[in-house]
C-alpha atoms as a PDB file:
ATOM      1  CA  MET A   1       0.089   0.379  -0.117  1.00  0.00           C
ATOM      2  CA  ARG A   2       2.825   2.490   0.941  1.00  0.00           C
ATOM      3  CA  ASN A   3       4.437   1.905  -2.242  1.00  0.00           C
ATOM      4  CA  THR A   4       1.364   2.518  -4.245  1.00  0.00           C
ATOM      5  CA  ILE A   5       1.370   5.973  -2.811  1.00  0.00           C
ATOM      6  CA  THR A   6       4.770   7.023  -3.090  1.00  0.00           C
ATOM      7  CA  LYS A   7       4.305   5.798  -6.715  1.00  0.00           C
ATOM      8  CA  LEU A   8       1.514   7.706  -7.231  1.00  0.00           C
ATOM      9  CA  SER A   9       3.094  10.869  -5.155  1.00  0.00           C
ATOM     10  CA  ASN A  10       5.938  10.793  -7.847  1.00  0.00           C
ATOM     11  CA  LEU A  11       3.262  10.586 -10.769  1.00  0.00           C
ATOM     12  CA  PHE A  12       1.140  13.193  -9.508  1.00  0.00           C
ATOM     13  CA  LYS A  13       4.638  15.607  -8.559  1.00  0.00           C
ATOM     14  CA  GLU A  14       6.090  14.792 -12.152  1.00  0.00           C
ATOM     15  CA  ALA A  15       2.898  15.605 -13.575  1.00  0.00           C
ATOM     16  CA  VAL A  16       2.396  19.083 -12.153  1.00  0.00           C
ATOM     17  CA  LEU A  17       6.188  20.184 -13.156  1.00  0.00           C
ATOM     18  CA  GLN A  18       5.370  19.148 -16.492  1.00  0.00           C
ATOM     19  CA  GLY A  19       2.479  21.331 -16.447  1.00  0.00           C
ATOM     20  CA  VAL A  20       4.646  24.007 -15.185  1.00  0.00           C
ATOM     21  CA  GLU A  21       6.679  24.015 -17.486  1.00  0.00           C
ATOM     22  CA  ASN A  22       4.542  23.637 -20.178  1.00  0.00           C
ATOM     23  CA  VAL A  23       2.111  26.779 -19.126  1.00  0.00           C
ATOM     24  CA  ILE A  24       5.422  28.472 -19.043  1.00  0.00           C
ATOM     25  CA  SER A  25       7.042  27.930 -22.625  1.00  0.00           C
ATOM     26  CA  GLU A  26       3.995  28.422 -24.088  1.00  0.00           C
ATOM     27  CA  GLU A  27       3.144  31.651 -22.523  1.00  0.00           C
ATOM     28  CA  GLN A  28       6.357  32.427 -22.563  1.00  0.00           C
ATOM     29  CA  LEU A  29       6.386  33.928 -19.289  1.00  0.00           C
ATOM     30  CA  PHE A  30      10.645  33.282 -19.536  1.00  0.00           C
ATOM     31  CA  ALA A  31      12.680  34.212 -22.235  1.00  0.00           C
ATOM     32  CA  ASN A  32      14.733  31.072 -23.371  1.00  0.00           C
ATOM     33  CA  MET A  33      17.560  33.004 -23.346  1.00  0.00           C
ATOM     34  CA  LEU A  34      19.918  35.267 -20.851  1.00  0.00           C
ATOM     35  CA  SER A  35      22.429  37.305 -20.888  1.00  0.00           C
ATOM     36  CA  LYS A  36      25.411  36.209 -19.099  1.00  0.00           C
ATOM     37  CA  ASN A  37      24.650  39.207 -16.736  1.00  0.00           C
ATOM     38  CA  GLU A  38      21.910  37.707 -16.135  1.00  0.00           C
ATOM     39  CA  ALA A  39      22.546  34.477 -15.740  1.00  0.00           C
ATOM     40  CA  TYR A  40      24.905  36.075 -13.017  1.00  0.00           C
ATOM     41  CA  LYS A  41      21.709  37.748 -11.411  1.00  0.00           C
ATOM     42  CA  VAL A  42      19.709  34.635 -11.632  1.00  0.00           C
ATOM     43  CA  TYR A  43      22.197  32.321 -10.732  1.00  0.00           C
ATOM     44  CA  GLY A  44      25.361  33.902  -8.967  1.00  0.00           C
ATOM     45  CA  ARG A  45      28.624  34.803 -11.095  1.00  0.00           C
ATOM     46  CA  SER A  46      30.781  32.338  -9.147  1.00  0.00           C
ATOM     47  CA  ASN A  47      28.386  29.779 -10.254  1.00  0.00           C
ATOM     48  CA  VAL A  48      28.131  30.533 -13.796  1.00  0.00           C
ATOM     49  CA  ASP A  49      31.757  31.179 -14.441  1.00  0.00           C
ATOM     50  CA  ARG A  50      32.737  27.486 -12.657  1.00  0.00           C
ATOM     51  CA  TRP A  51      29.790  25.596 -15.178  1.00  0.00           C
ATOM     52  CA  LEU A  52      31.474  27.869 -18.083  1.00  0.00           C
ATOM     53  CA  LYS A  53      34.685  26.511 -17.273  1.00  0.00           C
ATOM     54  CA  GLU A  54      33.468  23.191 -16.512  1.00  0.00           C
ATOM     55  CA  LYS A  55      31.294  23.446 -20.059  1.00  0.00           C
ATOM     56  CA  LEU A  56      28.305  22.219 -18.523  1.00  0.00           C
ATOM     57  CA  ILE A  57      26.731  25.507 -20.063  1.00  0.00           C
ATOM     58  CA  SER A  58      27.608  27.345 -23.220  1.00  0.00           C
ATOM     59  CA  ILE A  59      27.485  30.708 -24.590  1.00  0.00           C
ATOM     60  CA  SER A  60      25.678  30.484 -28.188  1.00  0.00           C
ATOM     61  CA  THR A  61      26.321  34.118 -30.524  1.00  0.00           C
ATOM     62  CA  ILE A  62      22.867  35.764 -31.056  1.00  0.00           C
ATOM     63  CA  GLY A  63      23.158  38.895 -32.732  1.00  0.00           C
ATOM     64  CA  LYS A  64      25.993  40.344 -31.259  1.00  0.00           C
ATOM     65  CA  ARG A  65      25.193  39.162 -27.550  1.00  0.00           C
ATOM     66  CA  GLY A  66      26.466  36.143 -26.067  1.00  0.00           C
ATOM     67  CA  MET A  67      23.218  34.333 -24.667  1.00  0.00           C
ATOM     68  CA  ILE A  68      22.418  31.489 -22.344  1.00  0.00           C
ATOM     69  CA  ASP A  69      19.885  28.808 -22.286  1.00  0.00           C
ATOM     70  CA  ARG A  70      17.752  29.061 -19.824  1.00  0.00           C
ATOM     71  CA  HIS A  71      16.575  25.463 -19.776  1.00  0.00           C
ATOM     72  CA  LYS A  72      20.287  24.482 -19.224  1.00  0.00           C
ATOM     73  CA  LEU A  73      21.292  26.996 -17.150  1.00  0.00           C
ATOM     74  CA  GLU A  74      18.046  25.572 -14.967  1.00  0.00           C
ATOM     75  CA  GLN A  75      19.169  21.837 -15.460  1.00  0.00           C
ATOM     76  CA  VAL A  76      22.558  22.844 -14.157  1.00  0.00           C
ATOM     77  CA  ALA A  77      21.573  24.507 -11.254  1.00  0.00           C
ATOM     78  CA  ALA A  78      18.925  21.723 -10.226  1.00  0.00           C
ATOM     79  CA  CYS A  79      21.861  19.011 -10.510  1.00  0.00           C
ATOM     80  CA  SER A  80      24.332  18.358  -8.015  1.00  0.00           C
ATOM     81  CA  ASN A  81      27.327  19.961  -9.440  1.00  0.00           C
ATOM     82  CA  ARG A  82      29.628  20.431  -6.434  1.00  0.00           C
ATOM     83  CA  PHE A  83      32.362  18.340  -7.339  1.00  0.00           C
ATOM     84  CA  SER A  84      34.335  20.514  -8.224  1.00  0.00           C
ATOM     85  CA  TYR A  85      34.140  22.638  -5.179  1.00  0.00           C
ATOM     86  CA  LEU A  86      37.479  22.338  -2.703  1.00  0.00           C
ATOM     87  CA  MET A  87      37.285  22.298   0.828  1.00  0.00           C
ATOM     88  CA  THR A  88      38.184  25.725   2.401  1.00  0.00           C
ATOM     89  CA  CYS A  89      41.125  24.131   3.851  1.00  0.00           C
ATOM     90  CA  GLU A  90      42.094  22.757   0.226  1.00  0.00           C
ATOM     91  CA  ARG A  91      41.937  26.314  -1.129  1.00  0.00           C
ATOM     92  CA  LYS A  92      45.185  27.890  -2.259  1.00  0.00           C
END
């Protein structure tokens, strides 16, 4: 019984997340691309610079501005990507 409730709960959670993503996309509530400056404001300069250095995200040239895909940024931010962090005592 408990296993069924857990599966059903996960199914509802995924459905809600997909629904929210669809509404945001269809209604164009957020821009699909962010400038590097906008990404810094949302995710923090050190995170964005680290993700670029680790090639987890990339800057694509649109017109004269470099832009970053918002969806990719959200994916990277949601994942555990702390493997490159150093402990304070290890930093030099």
